[in-house]
Amino acid sequence: MSSADQASSNAVATGLIEALLVETDKQDELWKKIEPLLGIESKKYVYEWNKFCGIEEEELNPPNSAANSPDE
């Protein structure tokens, strides 16, 4: 997301990502469809947010892992 007002842009993007995480919390199949569409910065945010929320390390996919790469 780009904007002349970077702070507003960051707030909107963060809110959107957090809303996606809440909505897909119990819907793994839906998250698997959404995650490949995210850019690397969004994936980094998701990873850090999940760590902050206490998600078990083995459940996390680091942003650069094969689990987060689109199928080729």
N, C-alpha and C. Protein backbone atom coordinates (compact mmCIF):
# COMPACT_ATOMS: atom_id res chain seq x y z
N MET A 1 0.86 -1.16 0.00
CA MET A 1 0.00 0.00 0.00
C MET A 1 0.90 1.22 0.00
N SER A 2 0.64 2.14 -0.89
CA SER A 2 1.46 3.35 -0.93
C SER A 2 0.58 4.57 -0.75
N SER A 3 1.19 5.57 -0.13
CA SER A 3 0.47 6.80 0.15
C SER A 3 1.48 7.88 0.46
N ALA A 4 1.08 9.11 0.22
CA ALA A 4 1.94 10.22 0.59
C ALA A 4 2.06 10.31 2.11
N ASP A 5 1.04 9.86 2.80
CA ASP A 5 1.02 9.86 4.26
C ASP A 5 1.37 8.45 4.75
N GLN A 6 2.64 8.19 4.97
CA GLN A 6 3.12 6.86 5.33
C GLN A 6 2.50 6.35 6.62
N ALA A 7 2.30 7.21 7.59
CA ALA A 7 1.71 6.78 8.87
C ALA A 7 0.29 6.27 8.66
N SER A 8 -0.49 6.97 7.87
CA SER A 8 -1.86 6.53 7.59
C SER A 8 -1.86 5.22 6.80
N SER A 9 -0.98 5.13 5.85
CA SER A 9 -0.86 3.92 5.05
C SER A 9 -0.51 2.72 5.92
N ASN A 10 0.44 2.90 6.83
CA ASN A 10 0.85 1.82 7.74
C ASN A 10 -0.31 1.41 8.66
N ALA A 11 -1.05 2.39 9.15
CA ALA A 11 -2.18 2.08 10.04
C ALA A 11 -3.25 1.27 9.32
N VAL A 12 -3.56 1.64 8.10
CA VAL A 12 -4.57 0.92 7.33
C VAL A 12 -4.08 -0.49 7.01
N ALA A 13 -2.84 -0.61 6.58
CA ALA A 13 -2.29 -1.93 6.24
C ALA A 13 -2.24 -2.84 7.46
N THR A 14 -1.82 -2.29 8.58
CA THR A 14 -1.75 -3.07 9.82
C THR A 14 -3.14 -3.52 10.24
N GLY A 15 -4.11 -2.63 10.18
CA GLY A 15 -5.48 -2.98 10.53
C GLY A 15 -6.04 -4.06 9.62
N LEU A 16 -5.75 -3.97 8.34
CA LEU A 16 -6.23 -4.96 7.38
C LEU A 16 -5.62 -6.34 7.68
N ILE A 17 -4.33 -6.37 7.91
CA ILE A 17 -3.66 -7.64 8.21
C ILE A 17 -4.19 -8.24 9.51
N GLU A 18 -4.34 -7.42 10.53
CA GLU A 18 -4.86 -7.94 11.80
C GLU A 18 -6.29 -8.46 11.64
N ALA A 19 -7.10 -7.79 10.83
CA ALA A 19 -8.47 -8.26 10.59
C ALA A 19 -8.45 -9.60 9.86
N LEU A 20 -7.56 -9.77 8.91
CA LEU A 20 -7.42 -11.05 8.22
C LEU A 20 -7.02 -12.16 9.19
N LEU A 21 -6.09 -11.84 10.09
CA LEU A 21 -5.64 -12.83 11.07
C LEU A 21 -6.78 -13.24 12.00
N VAL A 22 -7.55 -12.28 12.45
CA VAL A 22 -8.67 -12.59 13.34
C VAL A 22 -9.70 -13.45 12.61
N GLU A 23 -10.03 -13.05 11.39
CA GLU A 23 -11.07 -13.76 10.63
C GLU A 23 -10.65 -15.18 10.28
N THR A 24 -9.38 -15.41 10.06
CA THR A 24 -8.90 -16.73 9.64
C THR A 24 -8.32 -17.55 10.79
N ASP A 25 -8.46 -17.06 12.00
CA ASP A 25 -7.86 -17.73 13.16
C ASP A 25 -8.20 -19.21 13.24
N LYS A 26 -9.43 -19.55 13.00
CA LYS A 26 -9.88 -20.95 13.09
C LYS A 26 -10.15 -21.55 11.70
N GLN A 27 -9.67 -20.87 10.66
CA GLN A 27 -9.93 -21.31 9.28
C GLN A 27 -8.62 -21.48 8.53
N ASP A 28 -7.91 -22.54 8.85
CA ASP A 28 -6.59 -22.75 8.25
C ASP A 28 -6.62 -22.78 6.72
N GLU A 29 -7.65 -23.40 6.16
CA GLU A 29 -7.72 -23.50 4.70
C GLU A 29 -7.87 -22.12 4.06
N LEU A 30 -8.64 -21.26 4.68
CA LEU A 30 -8.80 -19.90 4.16
C LEU A 30 -7.48 -19.14 4.26
N TRP A 31 -6.78 -19.28 5.39
CA TRP A 31 -5.49 -18.60 5.55
C TRP A 31 -4.50 -19.08 4.49
N LYS A 32 -4.52 -20.37 4.18
CA LYS A 32 -3.60 -20.92 3.18
C LYS A 32 -3.84 -20.31 1.80
N LYS A 33 -5.06 -19.85 1.55
CA LYS A 33 -5.37 -19.19 0.29
C LYS A 33 -4.93 -17.74 0.30
N ILE A 34 -5.00 -17.10 1.46
CA ILE A 34 -4.68 -15.67 1.57
C ILE A 34 -3.18 -15.43 1.67
N GLU A 35 -2.50 -16.24 2.47
CA GLU A 35 -1.08 -15.99 2.77
C GLU A 35 -0.20 -15.83 1.53
N PRO A 36 -0.35 -16.66 0.49
CA PRO A 36 0.52 -16.48 -0.68
C PRO A 36 0.33 -15.14 -1.40
N LEU A 37 -0.77 -14.48 -1.14
CA LEU A 37 -1.05 -13.19 -1.78
C LEU A 37 -0.37 -12.02 -1.08
N LEU A 38 0.14 -12.25 0.13
CA LEU A 38 0.78 -11.19 0.90
C LEU A 38 2.21 -10.96 0.42
N GLY A 39 2.64 -9.71 0.50
CA GLY A 39 4.02 -9.38 0.20
C GLY A 39 4.92 -9.74 1.38
N ILE A 40 6.21 -9.64 1.17
CA ILE A 40 7.18 -10.05 2.19
C ILE A 40 7.05 -9.22 3.47
N GLU A 41 6.81 -7.92 3.36
CA GLU A 41 6.68 -7.09 4.56
C GLU A 41 5.44 -7.48 5.35
N SER A 42 4.36 -7.79 4.66
CA SER A 42 3.15 -8.23 5.35
C SER A 42 3.38 -9.56 6.04
N LYS A 43 4.09 -10.47 5.38
CA LYS A 43 4.40 -11.76 5.98
C LYS A 43 5.29 -11.60 7.21
N LYS A 44 6.22 -10.67 7.15
CA LYS A 44 7.07 -10.40 8.32
C LYS A 44 6.21 -9.90 9.48
N TYR A 45 5.27 -9.02 9.18
CA TYR A 45 4.38 -8.50 10.22
C TYR A 45 3.56 -9.62 10.84
N VAL A 46 2.99 -10.49 10.00
CA VAL A 46 2.20 -11.62 10.49
C VAL A 46 3.04 -12.51 11.39
N TYR A 47 4.26 -12.80 10.97
CA TYR A 47 5.16 -13.65 11.75
C TYR A 47 5.43 -13.03 13.12
N GLU A 48 5.77 -11.75 13.14
CA GLU A 48 6.08 -11.07 14.40
C GLU A 48 4.83 -10.94 15.27
N TRP A 49 3.69 -10.68 14.66
CA TRP A 49 2.44 -10.57 15.42
C TRP A 49 2.10 -11.90 16.08
N ASN A 50 2.23 -12.98 15.33
CA ASN A 50 1.96 -14.31 15.88
C ASN A 50 2.90 -14.64 17.02
N LYS A 51 4.17 -14.28 16.88
CA LYS A 51 5.12 -14.49 17.98
C LYS A 51 4.67 -13.70 19.21
N PHE A 52 4.29 -12.45 19.01
CA PHE A 52 3.83 -11.60 20.11
C PHE A 52 2.61 -12.20 20.80
N CYS A 53 1.74 -12.83 20.01
CA CYS A 53 0.51 -13.42 20.55
C CYS A 53 0.73 -14.78 21.19
N GLY A 54 1.97 -15.26 21.16
CA GLY A 54 2.28 -16.52 21.82
C GLY A 54 2.04 -17.77 21.00
N ILE A 55 1.97 -17.62 19.68
CA ILE A 55 1.83 -18.79 18.82
C ILE A 55 3.10 -19.63 18.98
N GLU A 56 2.93 -20.93 19.12
CA GLU A 56 4.07 -21.84 19.29
C GLU A 56 5.04 -21.69 18.12
N GLU A 57 6.33 -21.66 18.41
CA GLU A 57 7.35 -21.48 17.37
C GLU A 57 7.21 -22.49 16.24
N GLU A 58 6.93 -23.75 16.55
CA GLU A 58 6.84 -24.75 15.48
C GLU A 58 5.63 -24.54 14.58
N GLU A 59 4.68 -23.73 15.01
CA GLU A 59 3.51 -23.42 14.19
C GLU A 59 3.76 -22.24 13.26
N LEU A 60 4.83 -21.50 13.50
CA LEU A 60 5.10 -20.30 12.72
C LEU A 60 5.87 -20.64 11.46
N ASN A 61 5.57 -19.92 10.39
CA ASN A 61 6.34 -20.01 9.15
C ASN A 61 7.08 -18.70 8.97
N PRO A 62 8.40 -18.71 9.13
CA PRO A 62 9.13 -17.47 8.90
C PRO A 62 8.86 -16.94 7.50
N PRO A 63 8.88 -15.63 7.32
CA PRO A 63 8.50 -15.02 6.04
C PRO A 63 9.26 -15.54 4.83
N ASN A 64 10.49 -15.99 5.00
CA ASN A 64 11.28 -16.44 3.85
C ASN A 64 11.30 -17.96 3.73
N SER A 65 10.47 -18.67 4.48
CA SER A 65 10.48 -20.13 4.45
C SER A 65 9.77 -20.66 3.22
N ALA A 66 10.05 -21.91 2.89
CA ALA A 66 9.42 -22.55 1.73
C ALA A 66 7.91 -22.61 1.90
N ALA A 67 7.45 -22.69 3.15
CA ALA A 67 6.01 -22.77 3.41
C ALA A 67 5.29 -21.50 2.99
N ASN A 68 6.03 -20.41 2.86
CA ASN A 68 5.42 -19.14 2.47
C ASN A 68 5.69 -18.77 1.02
N SER A 69 6.33 -19.68 0.28
CA SER A 69 6.63 -19.40 -1.11
C SER A 69 5.55 -19.98 -1.99
N PRO A 70 5.14 -19.24 -3.02
CA PRO A 70 4.13 -19.80 -3.93
C PRO A 70 4.70 -21.02 -4.66
N ASP A 71 3.82 -21.95 -4.98
CA ASP A 71 4.26 -23.13 -5.73
C ASP A 71 4.76 -22.69 -7.10
N GLU A 72 5.85 -23.32 -7.51
CA GLU A 72 6.40 -22.96 -8.81
C GLU A 72 6.16 -24.08 -9.80
